[in-house]
Amino acid sequence: MSAEVFYRAMGDSLLDRTMVFFSSNLADASKHSVKNMPVFLAGGGFKHGQHLAFDENKNPPLSNLFVCMLQRRGIEADKFGSSTGTPTGLEAS
């Protein structure tokens, strides 16, 4: 039985149970800046088809996204690194 058939039998698609995260360690390499860093997140049952932009001067730490990803996988985590909570706008689909 393929993974796709297995997950469809459970009522989910393979992409619902998979998270793809892609980013860089710097937003602007010439300035060594991590402000306003582009991030790509797909799957995981998150609400997609949107672009989330945060205040450049009050940019939440990227570790907030990691906390949200851990929680979506069922891991009870309130903090990861320098996180301050979870980001808004990533509600479940």
Protein backbone atom coordinates (compact mmCIF):
# COMPACT_ATOMS: atom_id res chain seq x y z
CA MET A 1 0.00 0.00 0.00
CA SER A 2 1.40 3.40 -0.96
CA ALA A 3 1.67 6.23 1.55
CA GLU A 4 -0.87 8.28 -0.41
CA VAL A 5 -3.47 5.47 -0.27
CA PHE A 6 -2.76 4.99 3.45
CA TYR A 7 -3.27 8.67 4.31
CA ARG A 8 -6.39 8.98 2.15
CA ALA A 9 -7.85 6.01 4.03
CA MET A 10 -7.23 7.98 7.23
CA GLY A 11 -9.02 11.02 5.76
CA ASP A 12 -5.88 13.11 5.22
CA SER A 13 -3.68 13.74 2.24
CA LEU A 14 0.05 13.15 2.38
CA LEU A 15 0.59 16.94 2.27
CA ASP A 16 -1.67 17.37 5.33
CA ARG A 17 0.77 15.21 7.29
CA THR A 18 3.94 16.71 5.81
CA MET A 19 5.52 20.12 6.46
CA VAL A 20 7.97 21.67 4.05
CA PHE A 21 9.94 24.60 5.45
CA PHE A 22 12.39 26.59 3.35
CA SER A 23 14.28 29.72 4.33
CA SER A 24 17.70 31.26 4.56
CA ASN A 25 19.75 32.15 7.60
CA LEU A 26 19.95 35.79 6.44
CA ALA A 27 17.39 38.17 4.93
CA ASP A 28 20.02 40.54 3.58
CA ALA A 29 23.42 38.87 3.36
CA SER A 30 25.26 42.10 2.55
CA LYS A 31 24.16 43.52 5.93
CA HIS A 32 24.07 40.19 7.81
CA SER A 33 20.48 41.04 8.69
CA VAL A 34 17.79 38.62 9.85
CA LYS A 35 15.08 41.31 9.71
CA ASN A 36 12.18 40.61 7.34
CA MET A 37 13.48 37.18 6.34
CA PRO A 38 11.57 35.34 3.58
CA VAL A 39 10.15 31.97 4.66
CA PHE A 40 8.25 29.34 2.69
CA LEU A 41 5.97 26.87 4.52
CA ALA A 42 3.80 24.27 2.78
CA GLY A 43 1.64 21.41 4.00
CA GLY A 44 1.02 20.49 7.60
CA GLY A 45 -2.69 21.32 7.43
CA PHE A 46 -2.02 25.05 7.76
CA LYS A 47 -4.12 27.68 6.01
CA HIS A 48 -2.25 28.34 2.76
CA GLY A 49 -2.68 30.49 -0.33
CA GLN A 50 -1.68 33.64 1.46
CA HIS A 51 1.24 35.95 2.08
CA LEU A 52 1.86 36.96 5.68
CA ALA A 53 3.81 40.15 6.29
CA PHE A 54 4.78 41.28 9.76
CA ASP A 55 5.83 44.69 11.03
CA GLU A 56 9.48 45.08 10.07
CA ASN A 57 10.24 46.98 13.28
CA LYS A 58 8.42 44.50 15.53
CA ASN A 59 9.36 41.35 13.68
CA PRO A 60 8.49 38.21 15.68
CA PRO A 61 11.31 35.67 16.09
CA LEU A 62 11.39 32.81 13.60
CA SER A 63 11.34 30.40 16.53
CA ASN A 64 7.64 31.35 16.99
CA LEU A 65 6.97 29.53 13.72
CA PHE A 66 8.90 26.51 14.96
CA VAL A 67 6.72 26.36 18.10
CA CYS A 68 3.61 26.44 15.90
CA MET A 69 5.02 23.65 13.69
CA LEU A 70 5.81 21.48 16.73
CA GLN A 71 2.33 22.00 18.15
CA ARG A 72 0.72 21.02 14.81
CA ARG A 73 2.62 17.72 15.02
CA GLY A 74 1.18 17.09 18.49
CA ILE A 75 4.31 17.98 20.45
CA GLU A 76 3.46 19.94 23.58
CA ALA A 77 5.87 22.85 23.26
CA ASP A 78 5.37 26.35 24.62
CA LYS A 79 8.84 27.63 23.82
CA PHE A 80 11.62 27.03 21.32
CA GLY A 81 14.80 29.08 21.57
CA SER A 82 13.88 32.75 21.86
CA SER A 83 10.20 32.31 20.95
CA THR A 84 7.60 34.65 22.39
CA GLY A 85 4.46 32.75 21.32
CA THR A 86 3.00 31.57 18.02
CA PRO A 87 2.46 33.61 14.86
CA THR A 88 -1.02 34.72 13.83
CA GLY A 89 -2.50 33.89 10.45
CA LEU A 90 -1.51 30.20 10.30
CA GLU A 91 -4.75 28.73 11.54
CA ALA A 92 -5.55 25.17 10.51
CA SER A 93 -7.19 24.72 7.12
